[in-house]
Amino acid sequence: MMTGIILAGGRAGRMGGINKAFIEVGGERLIDRTLRVYRTLFEEIIISTNSPLEYLEFDARIVTDIHRGKGPLGGIHAGLLHATCEHAFVSACDMPYLSERFIGHMIAQADRYDLVVPVTTSGFESLHAIYSRKCLPVIESQIERDELKVSHLFKKFKTLEIHGDEIRRFDPEGRLFANLNRPDDLNRIIRP
C-alpha cells in the first residue's frame, strides 16, 4: 500500500496568482484529473496545501505545512508526516499528463528503495517521485538549514533513478512531466 500526495501549496506568482489546481484542461480541472488518476492507485490521498479551505469539496485528507514558506520540500514534509503508509507518491497539482501506468511501474519497484525518481534532461523530476517516511528526519534537517532543494535528498538515500528509454516506454510524446507555471504554458503544453 502507498499514499498519494498532491502538492497544491504554491503561490502561483508566475500564473498571476491563479490557483493552478483549478485551471481547466480539456474541460476538467487539473485537481480533478489528478484525483481521478490517484483514486485508481491509492487508498489514502493527501492534499498538501496552504489554502485548505479551497479543497474542502474533495474526498482527501487536507494537510498544511508545518514549516511555512519552505516551498515543495515543506509540502512533501507535511504530506509524509501525515501519511499512514511507509511510501508515498508525490506529484504537483499542475501536471496534466500523469500516467496511471507509469506511476504503477514506479510503485512496483518502490519496496526496495527509499526514493524512486524519474530523471530527464531537465534533471530529477522530484515532483513526480516516490518518497519513504525514512526521509523525514533528513528533510527536517534540510529545512532547518534552509537547504530547500528537494533534489539533495536523492544522493542521501537508496534511490532508484528511472531514465530515458524506460520513461519513453510510457511517454513516447515526452510530456509526462509537463507542468503549468506561466499562462503561456497552457498553449505550449495542451497540444493535440
C-alpha atoms as a PDB file:
ATOM      1  CA  MET A   1       0.000   0.000   0.000  1.00  0.00           C
ATOM      2  CA  MET A   2       1.110   3.533  -0.727  1.00  0.00           C
ATOM      3  CA  THR A   3      -0.171   7.028  -0.015  1.00  0.00           C
ATOM      4  CA  GLY A   4      -0.712   9.533  -2.822  1.00  0.00           C
ATOM      5  CA  ILE A   5       0.242  13.135  -2.004  1.00  0.00           C
ATOM      6  CA  ILE A   6      -0.776  16.073  -4.182  1.00  0.00           C
ATOM      7  CA  LEU A   7       1.262  19.246  -3.665  1.00  0.00           C
ATOM      8  CA  ALA A   8      -1.127  22.172  -4.055  1.00  0.00           C
ATOM      9  CA  GLY A   9       0.561  24.775  -1.915  1.00  0.00           C
ATOM     10  CA  GLY A  10       2.319  27.005  -4.438  1.00  0.00           C
ATOM     11  CA  ARG A  11       1.725  30.747  -4.524  1.00  0.00           C
ATOM     12  CA  ALA A  12       1.367  30.678  -8.342  1.00  0.00           C
ATOM     13  CA  GLY A  13       3.042  34.069  -8.696  1.00  0.00           C
ATOM     14  CA  ARG A  14       4.012  33.384 -12.317  1.00  0.00           C
ATOM     15  CA  MET A  15       0.385  32.453 -13.088  1.00  0.00           C
ATOM     16  CA  GLY A  16      -0.849  35.824 -11.842  1.00  0.00           C
ATOM     17  CA  GLY A  17      -1.997  34.366  -8.526  1.00  0.00           C
ATOM     18  CA  ILE A  18      -4.422  31.900 -10.152  1.00  0.00           C
ATOM     19  CA  ASN A  19      -4.639  28.605  -8.260  1.00  0.00           C
ATOM     20  CA  LYS A  20      -3.185  26.189 -10.822  1.00  0.00           C
ATOM     21  CA  ALA A  21      -5.097  23.221  -9.386  1.00  0.00           C
ATOM     22  CA  PHE A  22      -8.347  24.755 -10.647  1.00  0.00           C
ATOM     23  CA  ILE A  23      -7.219  25.544 -14.205  1.00  0.00           C
ATOM     24  CA  GLU A  24      -9.277  23.592 -16.718  1.00  0.00           C
ATOM     25  CA  VAL A  25      -7.570  21.434 -19.309  1.00  0.00           C
ATOM     26  CA  GLY A  26      -9.847  19.695 -21.783  1.00  0.00           C
ATOM     27  CA  GLY A  27     -12.903  20.704 -19.738  1.00  0.00           C
ATOM     28  CA  GLU A  28     -11.558  19.187 -16.498  1.00  0.00           C
ATOM     29  CA  ARG A  29      -9.839  20.943 -13.610  1.00  0.00           C
ATOM     30  CA  LEU A  30      -6.260  19.810 -13.012  1.00  0.00           C
ATOM     31  CA  ILE A  31      -7.060  18.784  -9.434  1.00  0.00           C
ATOM     32  CA  ASP A  32      -9.919  16.586 -10.694  1.00  0.00           C
ATOM     33  CA  ARG A  33      -7.630  14.984 -13.315  1.00  0.00           C
ATOM     34  CA  THR A  34      -5.010  14.259 -10.659  1.00  0.00           C
ATOM     35  CA  LEU A  35      -7.537  12.831  -8.216  1.00  0.00           C
ATOM     36  CA  ARG A  36      -9.006  10.615 -10.946  1.00  0.00           C
ATOM     37  CA  VAL A  37      -5.574   9.025 -11.522  1.00  0.00           C
ATOM     38  CA  TYR A  38      -4.801   8.837  -7.784  1.00  0.00           C
ATOM     39  CA  ARG A  39      -8.079   7.081  -6.941  1.00  0.00           C
ATOM     40  CA  THR A  40      -7.122   4.144  -9.164  1.00  0.00           C
ATOM     41  CA  LEU A  41      -3.776   3.759  -7.372  1.00  0.00           C
ATOM     42  CA  PHE A  42      -4.055   4.891  -3.746  1.00  0.00           C
ATOM     43  CA  GLU A  43      -6.449   4.202  -0.887  1.00  0.00           C
ATOM     44  CA  GLU A  44      -5.092   7.186   1.046  1.00  0.00           C
ATOM     45  CA  ILE A  45      -4.881  10.540  -0.731  1.00  0.00           C
ATOM     46  CA  ILE A  46      -3.449  13.662   0.898  1.00  0.00           C
ATOM     47  CA  ILE A  47      -3.628  17.193  -0.496  1.00  0.00           C
ATOM     48  CA  SER A  48      -0.786  19.268   0.932  1.00  0.00           C
ATOM     49  CA  THR A  49      -1.788  22.927   0.682  1.00  0.00           C
ATOM     50  CA  ASN A  50      -1.572  26.236   2.475  1.00  0.00           C
ATOM     51  CA  SER A  51      -5.114  27.134   1.349  1.00  0.00           C
ATOM     52  CA  PRO A  52      -7.066  24.261   2.913  1.00  0.00           C
ATOM     53  CA  LEU A  53     -10.473  25.913   2.590  1.00  0.00           C
ATOM     54  CA  GLU A  54     -10.196  25.778  -1.217  1.00  0.00           C
ATOM     55  CA  TYR A  55     -10.059  21.967  -1.112  1.00  0.00           C
ATOM     56  CA  LEU A  56     -12.863  21.049   1.283  1.00  0.00           C
ATOM     57  CA  GLU A  57     -15.031  19.660  -1.550  1.00  0.00           C
ATOM     58  CA  PHE A  58     -12.595  16.823  -2.222  1.00  0.00           C
ATOM     59  CA  ASP A  59     -12.582  13.357  -0.704  1.00  0.00           C
ATOM     60  CA  ALA A  60      -8.988  13.536   0.525  1.00  0.00           C
ATOM     61  CA  ARG A  61      -7.087  14.418   3.696  1.00  0.00           C
ATOM     62  CA  ILE A  62      -6.058  18.057   3.686  1.00  0.00           C
ATOM     63  CA  VAL A  63      -2.806  18.980   5.434  1.00  0.00           C
ATOM     64  CA  THR A  64      -0.881  22.230   5.681  1.00  0.00           C
ATOM     65  CA  ASP A  65       2.828  22.948   6.006  1.00  0.00           C
ATOM     66  CA  ILE A  66       4.295  22.812   9.487  1.00  0.00           C
ATOM     67  CA  HIS A  67       7.256  24.828   8.199  1.00  0.00           C
ATOM     68  CA  ARG A  68       5.693  27.671   6.194  1.00  0.00           C
ATOM     69  CA  GLY A  69       7.384  29.239   3.202  1.00  0.00           C
ATOM     70  CA  LYS A  70       9.687  26.275   2.506  1.00  0.00           C
ATOM     71  CA  GLY A  71       8.369  25.515  -0.973  1.00  0.00           C
ATOM     72  CA  PRO A  72       7.819  21.984  -2.282  1.00  0.00           C
ATOM     73  CA  LEU A  73      10.105  20.497   0.386  1.00  0.00           C
ATOM     74  CA  GLY A  74       7.767  21.872   3.065  1.00  0.00           C
ATOM     75  CA  GLY A  75       4.774  20.346   1.281  1.00  0.00           C
ATOM     76  CA  ILE A  76       6.474  16.958   0.909  1.00  0.00           C
ATOM     77  CA  HIS A  77       7.357  17.078   4.618  1.00  0.00           C
ATOM     78  CA  ALA A  78       3.755  17.812   5.646  1.00  0.00           C
ATOM     79  CA  GLY A  79       2.377  15.073   3.408  1.00  0.00           C
ATOM     80  CA  LEU A  80       4.850  12.423   4.584  1.00  0.00           C
ATOM     81  CA  LEU A  81       4.336  13.379   8.210  1.00  0.00           C
ATOM     82  CA  HIS A  82       0.604  12.650   7.910  1.00  0.00           C
ATOM     83  CA  ALA A  83       0.876   9.620   5.594  1.00  0.00           C
ATOM     84  CA  THR A  84      -0.056   6.282   7.152  1.00  0.00           C
ATOM     85  CA  CYS A  85       1.894   4.259   4.564  1.00  0.00           C
ATOM     86  CA  GLU A  86       5.664   3.838   4.554  1.00  0.00           C
ATOM     87  CA  HIS A  87       5.966   5.163   0.982  1.00  0.00           C
ATOM     88  CA  ALA A  88       4.139   7.985  -0.772  1.00  0.00           C
ATOM     89  CA  PHE A  89       3.959   9.040  -4.388  1.00  0.00           C
ATOM     90  CA  VAL A  90       4.184  12.837  -4.635  1.00  0.00           C
ATOM     91  CA  SER A  91       3.200  14.984  -7.591  1.00  0.00           C
ATOM     92  CA  ALA A  92       2.484  18.636  -8.199  1.00  0.00           C
ATOM     93  CA  CYS A  93      -1.145  19.643  -8.784  1.00  0.00           C
ATOM     94  CA  ASP A  94      -0.380  21.208 -12.174  1.00  0.00           C
ATOM     95  CA  MET A  95       0.684  18.142 -14.184  1.00  0.00           C
ATOM     96  CA  PRO A  96      -1.970  17.386 -16.820  1.00  0.00           C
ATOM     97  CA  TYR A  97      -0.391  14.182 -18.163  1.00  0.00           C
ATOM     98  CA  LEU A  98       0.045  11.957 -15.128  1.00  0.00           C
ATOM     99  CA  SER A  99       0.121   8.334 -16.267  1.00  0.00           C
ATOM    100  CA  GLU A 100      -1.513   5.645 -14.174  1.00  0.00           C
ATOM    101  CA  ARG A 101       0.650   3.050 -15.958  1.00  0.00           C
ATOM    102  CA  PHE A 102       3.933   4.869 -15.307  1.00  0.00           C
ATOM    103  CA  ILE A 103       3.111   5.602 -11.652  1.00  0.00           C
ATOM    104  CA  GLY A 104       2.162   1.919 -11.293  1.00  0.00           C
ATOM    105  CA  HIS A 105       5.552   0.990 -12.783  1.00  0.00           C
ATOM    106  CA  MET A 106       7.269   3.183 -10.181  1.00  0.00           C
ATOM    107  CA  ILE A 107       5.177   1.719  -7.340  1.00  0.00           C
ATOM    108  CA  ALA A 108       6.061  -1.851  -8.385  1.00  0.00           C
ATOM    109  CA  GLN A 109       9.742  -1.107  -7.724  1.00  0.00           C
ATOM    110  CA  ALA A 110       9.467   1.056  -4.611  1.00  0.00           C
ATOM    111  CA  ASP A 111       9.632  -1.503  -1.812  1.00  0.00           C
ATOM    112  CA  ARG A 112      13.403  -1.999  -2.251  1.00  0.00           C
ATOM    113  CA  TYR A 113      14.198   1.742  -2.246  1.00  0.00           C
ATOM    114  CA  ASP A 114      13.799   4.848  -0.108  1.00  0.00           C
ATOM    115  CA  LEU A 115      13.177   7.014  -3.172  1.00  0.00           C
ATOM    116  CA  VAL A 116      12.102   6.386  -6.763  1.00  0.00           C
ATOM    117  CA  VAL A 117      12.569   9.301  -9.153  1.00  0.00           C
ATOM    118  CA  PRO A 118      12.468   9.800 -12.927  1.00  0.00           C
ATOM    119  CA  VAL A 119      15.494  11.609 -14.348  1.00  0.00           C
ATOM    120  CA  THR A 120      15.191  13.569 -17.608  1.00  0.00           C
ATOM    121  CA  THR A 121      17.433  16.008 -19.446  1.00  0.00           C
ATOM    122  CA  SER A 122      15.993  18.612 -17.044  1.00  0.00           C
ATOM    123  CA  GLY A 123      17.305  16.638 -14.057  1.00  0.00           C
ATOM    124  CA  PHE A 124      15.453  14.914 -11.238  1.00  0.00           C
ATOM    125  CA  GLU A 125      11.650  15.030 -11.586  1.00  0.00           C
ATOM    126  CA  SER A 126      11.301  15.466  -7.821  1.00  0.00           C
ATOM    127  CA  LEU A 127       7.632  16.476  -8.034  1.00  0.00           C
ATOM    128  CA  HIS A 128       6.771  13.142  -9.661  1.00  0.00           C
ATOM    129  CA  ALA A 129       8.540  10.784  -7.280  1.00  0.00           C
ATOM    130  CA  ILE A 130       8.105   8.245  -4.504  1.00  0.00           C
ATOM    131  CA  TYR A 131       9.402   9.096  -1.026  1.00  0.00           C
ATOM    132  CA  SER A 132       9.799   6.924   2.056  1.00  0.00           C
ATOM    133  CA  ARG A 133       8.898   8.218   5.506  1.00  0.00           C
ATOM    134  CA  LYS A 134      12.527   7.355   6.377  1.00  0.00           C
ATOM    135  CA  CYS A 135      13.374  10.641   4.639  1.00  0.00           C
ATOM    136  CA  LEU A 136      11.538  12.748   7.242  1.00  0.00           C
ATOM    137  CA  PRO A 137      14.485  13.390   9.629  1.00  0.00           C
ATOM    138  CA  VAL A 138      16.744  14.447   6.740  1.00  0.00           C
ATOM    139  CA  ILE A 139      14.000  16.639   5.257  1.00  0.00           C
ATOM    140  CA  GLU A 140      13.535  18.297   8.653  1.00  0.00           C
ATOM    141  CA  SER A 141      17.292  18.838   8.921  1.00  0.00           C
ATOM    142  CA  GLN A 142      17.417  20.371   5.431  1.00  0.00           C
ATOM    143  CA  ILE A 143      14.505  22.681   6.283  1.00  0.00           C
ATOM    144  CA  GLU A 144      16.241  23.800   9.490  1.00  0.00           C
ATOM    145  CA  ARG A 145      19.349  24.669   7.433  1.00  0.00           C
ATOM    146  CA  ASP A 146      17.167  26.323   4.756  1.00  0.00           C
ATOM    147  CA  GLU A 147      18.548  23.817   2.231  1.00  0.00           C
ATOM    148  CA  LEU A 148      15.309  23.599   0.268  1.00  0.00           C
ATOM    149  CA  LYS A 149      16.373  21.803  -2.923  1.00  0.00           C
ATOM    150  CA  VAL A 150      14.398  18.572  -2.970  1.00  0.00           C
ATOM    151  CA  SER A 151      16.991  17.004  -5.285  1.00  0.00           C
ATOM    152  CA  HIS A 152      19.563  16.996  -2.458  1.00  0.00           C
ATOM    153  CA  LEU A 153      17.658  14.060  -0.940  1.00  0.00           C
ATOM    154  CA  PHE A 154      18.360  11.721  -3.847  1.00  0.00           C
ATOM    155  CA  LYS A 155      22.069  11.383  -3.014  1.00  0.00           C
ATOM    156  CA  LYS A 156      21.400  10.742   0.682  1.00  0.00           C
ATOM    157  CA  PHE A 157      19.191   7.650   0.384  1.00  0.00           C
ATOM    158  CA  LYS A 158      18.876   4.389  -1.532  1.00  0.00           C
ATOM    159  CA  THR A 159      17.393   5.839  -4.702  1.00  0.00           C
ATOM    160  CA  LEU A 160      16.131   4.196  -7.869  1.00  0.00           C
ATOM    161  CA  GLU A 161      16.578   6.542 -10.815  1.00  0.00           C
ATOM    162  CA  ILE A 162      14.376   5.897 -13.854  1.00  0.00           C
ATOM    163  CA  HIS A 163      15.943   7.152 -17.102  1.00  0.00           C
ATOM    164  CA  GLY A 164      15.431   7.635 -20.831  1.00  0.00           C
ATOM    165  CA  ASP A 165      14.176   4.523 -22.608  1.00  0.00           C
ATOM    166  CA  GLU A 166      12.361   3.265 -19.532  1.00  0.00           C
ATOM    167  CA  ILE A 167      10.419   6.552 -19.321  1.00  0.00           C
ATOM    168  CA  ARG A 168       9.821   6.674 -23.100  1.00  0.00           C
ATOM    169  CA  ARG A 169       8.068   3.284 -22.981  1.00  0.00           C
ATOM    170  CA  PHE A 170       5.295   5.058 -21.074  1.00  0.00           C
ATOM    171  CA  ASP A 171       5.752   8.545 -22.509  1.00  0.00           C
ATOM    172  CA  PRO A 172       6.692   8.488 -26.216  1.00  0.00           C
ATOM    173  CA  GLU A 173       5.482  12.086 -26.676  1.00  0.00           C
ATOM    174  CA  GLY A 174       7.708  13.398 -23.880  1.00  0.00           C
ATOM    175  CA  ARG A 175       5.042  15.304 -21.987  1.00  0.00           C
ATOM    176  CA  LEU A 176       4.554  13.201 -18.857  1.00  0.00           C
ATOM    177  CA  PHE A 177       6.309  15.719 -16.571  1.00  0.00           C
ATOM    178  CA  ALA A 178       4.928  18.876 -18.202  1.00  0.00           C
ATOM    179  CA  ASN A 179       3.526  21.365 -15.727  1.00  0.00           C
ATOM    180  CA  LEU A 180       1.943  24.801 -15.796  1.00  0.00           C
ATOM    181  CA  ASN A 181       3.998  27.671 -14.427  1.00  0.00           C
ATOM    182  CA  ARG A 182       3.092  30.589 -16.690  1.00  0.00           C
ATOM    183  CA  PRO A 183      -0.047  31.467 -18.659  1.00  0.00           C
ATOM    184  CA  ASP A 184       1.667  30.665 -21.998  1.00  0.00           C
ATOM    185  CA  ASP A 185       2.390  27.125 -20.738  1.00  0.00           C
ATOM    186  CA  LEU A 186      -1.271  26.331 -21.370  1.00  0.00           C
ATOM    187  CA  ASN A 187      -0.768  26.824 -25.115  1.00  0.00           C
ATOM    188  CA  ARG A 188       2.618  25.077 -25.140  1.00  0.00           C
ATOM    189  CA  ILE A 189       1.557  22.045 -23.104  1.00  0.00           C
ATOM    190  CA  ILE A 190      -2.002  21.471 -24.265  1.00  0.00           C
ATOM    191  CA  ARG A 191      -1.493  20.283 -27.801  1.00  0.00           C
ATOM    192  CA  PRO A 192      -3.438  17.590 -29.637  1.00  0.00           C
END
